[in-house]
Amino acid sequence: MATDILMPALSPTMTEGKLARWLKNEGDKVSAGDVIAEIETDKATMEVEAVDEGILGRILVQEGVEGVAVNTPIAILVEEGADVPDASAAQTPAAVAPAAEPVAANIPPASAKAASKEESSERIFVSPLAKRMAKDRGIALGSLNGTGPNGRILKRDVEKGGNAAPVAPKTTPATPVAPDGDVKRVPNSTMRKVIARRLTESKTQVPHFYVSVDIELDALLALRSKLNATAEDNSFKISVNDMMIKAVGLALKKQPGLNVQFTDAETLHFENVDISMAVSIPEGLITPIIRNADQKSLREISREAKDLAKRARAGKLKPEEFQGGTFSISNMGMFGVRDFAAIINPPQAGILAIASGEKRAVVRGDQLAIATVMTATLSVDHRAVDGALGAQWLNALRDIVQNPYTLVV
């Protein structure tokens, strides 16, 4: 008996992924629980475990192939001693499972795509990726020799080249001009493509408005120094970002009108305050979540934030650790940025941009003084939140940060 190993859905919104690496070879014995492959999604590279046992009879999708749709057969598992079919076994049960079960939290499910099927033209079988590559390169499918099952044309076949077919040039506003000198071409990763798509959708479909406020940090910095000086563990240090996460959580409890998401039918108001914190990684950006940030101590937030950031950079986050936040923060203070406006992370309704604290002249009464001041900018979805509420929330945040003992009581 032969069973298809299918491309798994590693998150609620995943519709396709890249088969990054096979950890088993054809002919290897596979037991339930064995990690057999690594799949690159838009957020991380995740391990895939087998749920059945048998022999990995045939690999259908090679390493490095992108755009593999969920539920597409990627390999065939057979019983020991059984014949290996040349193509998909056409069995419905998936023989793989994600190493961590994804959990959808506060994210409306995306429309699931059906499993991709072989596309044919005059009995030419070609994968969707190979067909798109051939079209972009002006290569006639009939000129290619397919090396996949049943002669299916794969990505590698297109890369080997073929006779160029006449392709009508696309109409463009201007003729592209080749740049001078050498050009390094870096293919966009799956994560970069998804970031580009989501941010474009956010800026074009979500009506942003922005509110900024200057916040004095001296009291917060003094409290941080005292807390770190009295810490029993010398290696443990609370950061300004940790304190801002807690402050944002308390402000969202005080002004819950920003802890919302807009849908066409209704606005969702959340009881839990789950803060997504933007973490820069080599491939782009990911937003691990501090859940119930308003209820946790600064020590808990600090340890959790450091652990999440470390595993985010290593690509080891579980789906439930970066999906489902109710509000986001983006901190670029460590880069000396004076102020910036962040793009909303859909389907959330708000994101706070935290800039660098710097010494500035301030007026207290009729006297000039020097204070450490930070500019914070709130980006809000105007469909769910009006300007007055956004300003009230920022004032609440400023009061908390400038009177920081509420963070520890």
Protein backbone atom coordinates (compact mmCIF):
# COMPACT_ATOMS: atom_id res chain seq x y z
CA MET A 1 0.00 0.00 0.00
CA ALA A 2 1.24 3.48 -0.90
CA THR A 3 0.31 6.69 0.88
CA ASP A 4 0.92 10.26 -0.19
CA ILE A 5 2.90 12.55 2.10
CA LEU A 6 1.20 15.91 1.69
CA MET A 7 2.43 19.47 2.10
CA PRO A 8 1.15 20.32 5.59
CA ALA A 9 -0.53 23.55 6.71
CA LEU A 10 1.85 24.78 9.40
CA SER A 11 -0.26 27.81 10.32
CA PRO A 12 -3.93 28.79 9.96
CA THR A 13 -3.17 31.19 7.09
CA MET A 14 -0.58 29.12 5.22
CA THR A 15 -1.57 28.27 1.64
CA GLU A 16 1.84 27.39 0.22
CA GLY A 17 5.44 27.00 1.31
CA LYS A 18 8.97 26.17 0.22
CA LEU A 19 10.37 22.67 0.65
CA ALA A 20 13.65 23.77 2.18
CA ARG A 21 15.31 20.41 2.92
CA TRP A 22 14.69 16.67 3.02
CA LEU A 23 16.06 14.95 6.12
CA LYS A 24 15.25 11.47 4.78
CA ASN A 25 16.33 9.93 1.47
CA GLU A 26 14.43 7.65 -0.86
CA GLY A 27 14.60 4.13 0.55
CA ASP A 28 15.00 5.26 4.17
CA LYS A 29 12.81 3.71 6.84
CA VAL A 30 10.44 6.18 8.46
CA SER A 31 8.82 5.82 11.88
CA ALA A 32 5.98 7.87 13.34
CA GLY A 33 7.45 11.01 14.91
CA ASP A 34 10.56 11.09 12.69
CA VAL A 35 11.42 14.54 11.36
CA ILE A 36 11.50 14.01 7.61
CA ALA A 37 11.68 17.50 6.10
CA GLU A 38 11.98 21.23 6.74
CA ILE A 39 9.35 23.59 5.29
CA GLU A 40 9.95 27.32 4.94
CA THR A 41 6.83 29.40 5.56
CA ASP A 42 6.42 33.15 5.47
CA LYS A 43 7.56 33.38 9.10
CA ALA A 44 9.95 30.55 9.90
CA THR A 45 11.53 27.27 8.85
CA MET A 46 9.66 24.46 10.58
CA GLU A 47 10.24 20.75 10.98
CA VAL A 48 7.70 18.23 9.69
CA GLU A 49 7.14 14.92 11.45
CA ALA A 50 5.82 11.68 9.99
CA VAL A 51 2.61 10.28 11.48
CA ASP A 52 2.84 6.89 9.73
CA GLU A 53 5.63 4.38 9.38
CA GLY A 54 7.03 2.78 6.25
CA ILE A 55 9.65 3.37 3.58
CA LEU A 56 10.14 6.73 1.87
CA GLY A 57 9.57 5.31 -1.58
CA ARG A 58 9.69 8.37 -3.79
CA ILE A 59 10.29 12.10 -3.36
CA LEU A 60 7.95 14.08 -5.62
CA VAL A 61 9.01 17.62 -4.71
CA GLN A 62 12.72 18.34 -4.61
CA GLU A 63 14.58 20.56 -2.17
CA GLY A 64 14.38 24.29 -2.90
CA VAL A 65 11.04 24.21 -4.73
CA GLU A 66 8.93 27.25 -3.79
CA GLY A 67 5.21 27.83 -3.98
CA VAL A 68 4.20 24.27 -3.07
CA ALA A 69 0.48 24.43 -2.25
CA VAL A 70 -0.87 22.96 0.97
CA ASN A 71 -2.09 19.36 0.49
CA THR A 72 0.07 18.84 -2.60
CA PRO A 73 1.75 15.38 -2.57
CA ILE A 74 5.45 15.88 -1.83
CA ALA A 75 6.51 12.24 -1.41
CA ILE A 76 5.19 8.67 -1.34
CA LEU A 77 5.35 6.39 1.69
CA VAL A 78 5.11 2.65 1.06
CA GLU A 79 5.06 -0.48 3.15
CA GLU A 80 8.35 -2.36 3.40
CA GLY A 81 8.74 -4.62 0.37
CA ALA A 82 5.91 -2.98 -1.57
CA ASP A 83 6.29 -1.58 -5.08
CA VAL A 84 6.77 2.17 -5.40
CA PRO A 85 4.35 3.91 -7.79
CA ASP A 86 5.81 6.32 -10.31
CA ALA A 87 3.43 9.14 -9.36
CA SER A 88 1.15 10.27 -6.54
CA ALA A 89 -0.57 7.45 -4.70
CA ALA A 90 -3.75 9.58 -4.63
CA GLN A 91 -4.47 8.75 -0.99
CA THR A 92 -6.30 11.40 1.00
CA PRO A 93 -4.78 11.00 4.48
CA ALA A 94 -1.73 13.20 5.02
CA ALA A 95 1.30 11.31 6.28
CA VAL A 96 2.99 14.26 7.91
CA ALA A 97 2.22 16.63 10.72
CA PRO A 98 3.77 19.90 11.87
CA ALA A 99 6.16 19.55 14.78
CA ALA A 100 4.03 22.05 16.72
CA GLU A 101 0.25 22.20 16.38
CA PRO A 102 -0.72 25.69 15.13
CA VAL A 103 -3.22 27.63 17.19
CA ALA A 104 -5.38 30.40 15.70
CA ALA A 105 -5.88 33.21 18.19
CA ASN A 106 -7.91 36.25 17.22
CA ILE A 107 -7.01 35.90 13.54
CA PRO A 108 -9.86 35.45 11.05
CA PRO A 109 -9.08 32.32 9.02
CA ALA A 110 -7.91 32.91 5.47
CA SER A 111 -9.79 31.24 2.64
CA ALA A 112 -8.19 27.85 2.15
CA LYS A 113 -6.80 27.09 -1.28
CA ALA A 114 -7.58 23.76 -2.83
CA ALA A 115 -4.76 21.35 -3.47
CA SER A 116 -2.93 22.25 -6.64
CA LYS A 117 -3.42 19.97 -9.61
CA GLU A 118 -1.26 19.29 -12.60
CA GLU A 119 -2.05 21.67 -15.35
CA SER A 120 -2.12 20.26 -18.85
CA SER A 121 -1.96 21.72 -22.31
CA GLU A 122 -1.90 19.17 -25.14
CA ARG A 123 -1.06 16.54 -22.50
CA ILE A 124 1.88 18.52 -21.18
CA PHE A 125 2.06 18.15 -17.40
CA VAL A 126 3.72 21.06 -15.64
CA SER A 127 3.90 22.33 -12.06
CA PRO A 128 2.45 25.84 -11.44
CA LEU A 129 5.89 27.19 -10.50
CA ALA A 130 7.54 25.77 -13.61
CA LYS A 131 4.75 27.09 -15.82
CA ARG A 132 5.15 30.59 -14.39
CA MET A 133 8.94 30.47 -14.75
CA ALA A 134 8.66 29.30 -18.36
CA LYS A 135 6.23 32.10 -19.19
CA ASP A 136 8.48 34.73 -17.58
CA ARG A 137 11.49 33.45 -19.54
CA GLY A 138 9.66 33.06 -22.84
CA ILE A 139 10.26 29.31 -23.02
CA ALA A 140 7.78 27.06 -24.82
CA LEU A 141 6.64 24.19 -22.59
CA GLY A 142 6.77 21.85 -25.58
CA SER A 143 10.51 22.41 -25.87
CA LEU A 144 11.20 21.08 -22.38
CA ASN A 145 11.78 17.51 -21.25
CA GLY A 146 10.01 16.88 -17.98
CA THR A 147 11.92 14.85 -15.39
CA GLY A 148 9.12 14.61 -12.85
CA PRO A 149 6.53 11.84 -12.43
CA ASN A 150 4.80 11.01 -15.75
CA GLY A 151 7.11 13.45 -17.50
CA ARG A 152 5.91 16.41 -15.45
CA ILE A 153 7.91 19.58 -16.09
CA LEU A 154 9.47 20.89 -12.87
CA LYS A 155 11.42 23.97 -11.86
CA ARG A 156 14.76 22.30 -12.59
CA ASP A 157 13.65 21.51 -16.15
CA VAL A 158 12.90 25.17 -16.84
CA GLU A 159 16.23 26.22 -15.34
CA LYS A 160 18.04 23.95 -17.83
CA GLY A 161 16.47 26.04 -20.56
CA GLY A 162 14.70 25.37 -23.82
CA ASN A 163 13.78 26.94 -27.12
CA ALA A 164 12.37 30.38 -26.59
CA ALA A 165 8.83 30.77 -27.81
CA PRO A 166 7.66 34.08 -29.29
CA VAL A 167 6.13 36.01 -26.44
CA ALA A 168 4.30 39.29 -26.93
CA PRO A 169 6.07 42.01 -24.95
CA LYS A 170 4.15 43.47 -22.05
CA THR A 171 3.15 47.09 -22.28
CA THR A 172 5.06 49.11 -19.72
CA PRO A 173 5.12 52.87 -19.04
CA ALA A 174 8.83 53.01 -19.76
CA THR A 175 11.53 50.73 -21.14
CA PRO A 176 13.63 49.32 -18.26
CA VAL A 177 17.19 50.59 -18.33
CA ALA A 178 19.95 48.26 -17.23
CA PRO A 179 21.97 49.77 -14.36
CA ASP A 180 25.63 50.52 -14.82
CA GLY A 181 28.16 48.10 -13.37
CA ASP A 182 27.68 44.71 -11.79
CA VAL A 183 24.38 43.89 -10.09
CA LYS A 184 23.94 41.36 -7.32
CA ARG A 185 20.56 39.68 -7.68
CA VAL A 186 19.17 38.25 -4.44
CA PRO A 187 15.96 36.21 -4.84
CA ASN A 188 13.19 37.32 -2.52
CA SER A 189 12.55 34.82 0.25
CA THR A 190 9.07 33.57 1.03
CA MET A 191 9.04 35.80 4.11
CA ARG A 192 10.06 38.90 2.14
CA LYS A 193 7.34 38.28 -0.44
CA VAL A 194 4.69 37.92 2.25
CA ILE A 195 5.92 41.03 4.08
CA ALA A 196 5.72 43.01 0.84
CA ARG A 197 2.21 41.77 0.13
CA ARG A 198 0.85 42.32 3.64
CA LEU A 199 2.32 45.79 4.08
CA THR A 200 1.07 46.86 0.65
CA GLU A 201 -2.40 45.62 1.57
CA SER A 202 -2.21 47.42 4.90
CA LYS A 203 -1.25 50.80 3.43
CA THR A 204 -3.71 50.58 0.54
CA GLN A 205 -6.71 49.02 2.32
CA VAL A 206 -6.43 50.31 5.89
CA PRO A 207 -6.99 54.07 6.41
CA HIS A 208 -4.10 55.02 8.70
CA PHE A 209 -3.96 58.10 10.88
CA TYR A 210 -1.08 59.07 13.13
CA VAL A 211 -0.80 60.74 16.55
CA SER A 212 2.52 61.59 18.23
CA VAL A 213 3.39 62.59 21.78
CA ASP A 214 6.64 63.40 23.61
CA ILE A 215 7.15 61.36 26.79
CA GLU A 216 9.70 62.14 29.51
CA LEU A 217 11.65 59.03 30.49
CA ASP A 218 13.73 60.14 33.49
CA ALA A 219 11.48 58.60 36.15
CA LEU A 220 11.22 55.35 34.20
CA LEU A 221 15.00 55.19 33.69
CA ALA A 222 15.58 55.81 37.42
CA LEU A 223 13.17 53.01 38.34
CA ARG A 224 14.85 50.68 35.86
CA SER A 225 18.26 51.37 37.43
CA LYS A 226 16.94 50.59 40.91
CA LEU A 227 15.26 47.37 39.80
CA ASN A 228 18.37 46.13 37.99
CA ALA A 229 20.64 47.10 40.89
CA THR A 230 18.60 45.04 43.35
CA ALA A 231 18.11 42.02 41.07
CA GLU A 232 19.32 38.77 42.64
CA ASP A 233 20.48 37.46 39.27
CA ASN A 234 23.24 39.73 37.98
CA SER A 235 22.77 38.44 34.44
CA PHE A 236 19.13 39.54 34.47
CA LYS A 237 18.46 43.09 33.25
CA ILE A 238 15.14 44.78 32.56
CA SER A 239 15.21 46.88 29.39
CA VAL A 240 13.28 50.01 28.49
CA ASN A 241 11.47 47.91 25.88
CA ASP A 242 10.30 45.50 28.59
CA MET A 243 8.88 48.41 30.56
CA MET A 244 7.21 49.87 27.46
CA ILE A 245 5.52 46.51 26.74
CA LYS A 246 4.03 46.54 30.25
CA ALA A 247 3.07 50.22 29.92
CA VAL A 248 1.32 49.61 26.60
CA GLY A 249 -0.53 46.67 28.15
CA LEU A 250 -1.77 48.81 31.05
CA ALA A 251 -2.75 51.64 28.69
CA LEU A 252 -4.82 49.21 26.60
CA LYS A 253 -6.63 48.09 29.74
CA LYS A 254 -7.26 51.72 30.70
CA GLN A 255 -8.41 52.64 27.18
CA PRO A 256 -9.62 49.31 25.70
CA GLY A 257 -11.03 50.97 22.59
CA LEU A 258 -7.67 50.37 20.87
CA ASN A 259 -7.55 46.67 21.73
CA VAL A 260 -9.82 45.90 18.77
CA GLN A 261 -9.99 44.58 15.22
CA PHE A 262 -12.27 45.83 12.45
CA THR A 263 -14.28 43.54 10.20
CA ASP A 264 -16.93 44.48 7.64
CA ALA A 265 -19.69 43.13 9.88
CA GLU A 266 -18.48 44.07 13.35
CA THR A 267 -15.63 45.37 15.49
CA LEU A 268 -14.01 42.77 17.73
CA HIS A 269 -13.15 43.92 21.26
CA PHE A 270 -10.65 41.70 23.08
CA GLU A 271 -10.38 41.07 26.81
CA ASN A 272 -6.83 39.71 26.55
CA VAL A 273 -4.01 42.17 25.93
CA ASP A 274 -1.55 40.33 23.66
CA ILE A 275 1.32 42.56 22.53
CA SER A 276 3.12 41.73 19.27
CA MET A 277 6.69 43.05 19.38
CA ALA A 278 8.50 43.62 16.10
CA VAL A 279 11.80 41.69 15.91
CA SER A 280 14.23 42.23 13.05
CA ILE A 281 15.71 39.04 11.59
CA PRO A 282 17.95 38.56 8.54
CA GLU A 283 15.01 37.50 6.35
CA GLY A 284 12.79 40.42 7.34
CA LEU A 285 10.53 41.02 10.32
CA ILE A 286 8.55 38.82 12.70
CA THR A 287 6.25 39.74 15.59
CA PRO A 288 6.37 37.29 18.53
CA ILE A 289 3.70 37.88 21.15
CA ILE A 290 3.77 38.68 24.86
CA ARG A 291 0.36 37.40 25.92
CA ASN A 292 -1.55 39.03 28.80
CA ALA A 293 1.15 41.69 28.99
CA ASP A 294 -0.89 43.78 31.42
CA GLN A 295 -0.93 40.95 33.99
CA LYS A 296 2.74 39.92 33.90
CA SER A 297 5.58 41.30 35.99
CA LEU A 298 8.47 43.14 34.39
CA ARG A 299 10.70 40.16 35.18
CA GLU A 300 8.31 37.78 33.40
CA ILE A 301 8.02 40.09 30.40
CA SER A 302 11.80 40.53 30.20
CA ARG A 303 12.57 36.81 30.27
CA GLU A 304 9.79 35.99 27.80
CA ALA A 305 10.76 38.78 25.40
CA LYS A 306 14.43 37.73 25.36
CA ASP A 307 13.51 34.09 24.77
CA LEU A 308 11.06 34.90 21.97
CA ALA A 309 13.51 37.25 20.24
CA LYS A 310 16.30 34.66 20.43
CA ARG A 311 14.16 31.89 18.97
CA ALA A 312 12.71 34.25 16.36
CA ARG A 313 16.19 34.95 15.01
CA ALA A 314 16.88 31.20 14.97
CA GLY A 315 13.62 30.50 13.11
CA LYS A 316 12.35 28.31 15.97
CA LEU A 317 9.07 30.01 16.90
CA LYS A 318 5.84 28.02 16.97
CA PRO A 319 2.91 29.45 14.96
CA GLU A 320 0.94 30.32 18.10
CA GLU A 321 3.91 32.39 19.32
CA PHE A 322 3.72 34.89 16.46
CA GLN A 323 0.06 34.78 15.39
CA GLY A 324 -2.90 36.31 17.16
CA GLY A 325 -1.67 39.50 18.84
CA THR A 326 -4.15 42.30 19.51
CA PHE A 327 -1.74 45.30 19.30
CA SER A 328 1.84 45.84 18.12
CA ILE A 329 4.88 47.86 19.14
CA SER A 330 7.94 48.65 17.03
CA ASN A 331 10.98 49.98 18.88
CA MET A 332 13.84 51.57 16.94
CA GLY A 333 15.18 53.60 19.84
CA MET A 334 18.40 51.58 19.87
CA PHE A 335 19.21 53.03 16.41
CA GLY A 336 19.02 56.66 17.58
CA VAL A 337 15.84 57.33 15.59
CA ARG A 338 14.12 60.58 16.62
CA ASP A 339 10.66 59.59 15.39
CA PHE A 340 8.96 57.35 12.82
CA ALA A 341 5.50 56.07 11.87
CA ALA A 342 4.93 52.32 11.68
CA ILE A 343 2.58 50.47 9.34
CA ILE A 344 -0.35 48.68 11.00
CA ASN A 345 -0.04 44.91 11.29
CA PRO A 346 -3.42 43.61 9.98
CA PRO A 347 -5.88 42.61 11.28
CA GLN A 348 -4.85 44.65 14.33
CA ALA A 349 -6.08 48.22 14.63
CA GLY A 350 -3.00 49.88 16.07
CA ILE A 351 0.79 49.91 16.37
CA LEU A 352 3.04 52.10 18.51
CA ALA A 353 6.36 53.35 17.09
CA ILE A 354 8.92 53.92 19.88
CA ALA A 355 11.85 56.21 19.07
CA SER A 356 15.06 57.01 20.91
CA GLY A 357 15.18 58.85 24.23
CA GLU A 358 17.39 61.94 24.06
CA LYS A 359 18.19 64.97 26.18
CA ARG A 360 15.91 67.88 25.24
CA ALA A 361 14.98 71.26 26.64
CA VAL A 362 11.56 71.24 28.30
CA VAL A 363 9.49 73.97 29.91
CA ARG A 364 8.26 73.43 33.46
CA GLY A 365 6.16 76.34 34.57
CA ASP A 366 8.20 79.37 33.58
CA GLN A 367 11.55 77.59 33.78
CA LEU A 368 13.63 75.72 31.22
CA ALA A 369 14.90 72.29 32.21
CA ILE A 370 16.64 69.32 30.64
CA ALA A 371 14.83 65.99 30.40
CA THR A 372 15.24 62.68 28.58
CA VAL A 373 12.41 62.75 26.05
CA MET A 374 11.11 60.08 23.68
CA THR A 375 8.69 60.63 20.79
CA ALA A 376 6.06 57.90 20.47
CA THR A 377 3.84 57.73 17.38
CA LEU A 378 0.59 55.80 17.28
CA SER A 379 -0.66 54.46 13.93
CA VAL A 380 -4.36 53.59 14.03
CA ASP A 381 -6.97 52.03 11.75
CA HIS A 382 -9.48 54.87 11.35
CA ARG A 383 -12.27 52.40 10.55
CA ALA A 384 -12.20 51.15 14.14
CA VAL A 385 -10.68 54.03 16.12
CA ASP A 386 -11.34 57.76 15.92
CA GLY A 387 -8.78 60.50 16.47
CA ALA A 388 -9.96 61.56 19.92
CA LEU A 389 -9.69 58.01 21.25
CA GLY A 390 -6.20 57.66 19.80
CA ALA A 391 -5.12 60.88 21.54
CA GLN A 392 -6.69 59.77 24.83
CA TRP A 393 -4.85 56.46 24.67
CA LEU A 394 -1.50 58.17 24.07
CA ASN A 395 -2.12 60.49 27.03
CA ALA A 396 -2.88 57.45 29.19
CA LEU A 397 0.38 55.83 28.04
CA ARG A 398 2.34 59.01 28.79
CA ASP A 399 0.90 59.18 32.31
CA ILE A 400 1.93 55.58 32.99
CA VAL A 401 5.49 56.01 31.67
CA GLN A 402 6.05 59.31 33.47
CA ASN A 403 4.68 57.79 36.70
CA PRO A 404 6.26 54.33 36.28
CA TYR A 405 5.60 52.87 39.71
CA THR A 406 2.28 51.61 38.34
CA LEU A 407 4.41 49.13 36.40
CA VAL A 408 5.47 47.34 39.58
CA VAL A 409 2.40 47.61 41.84
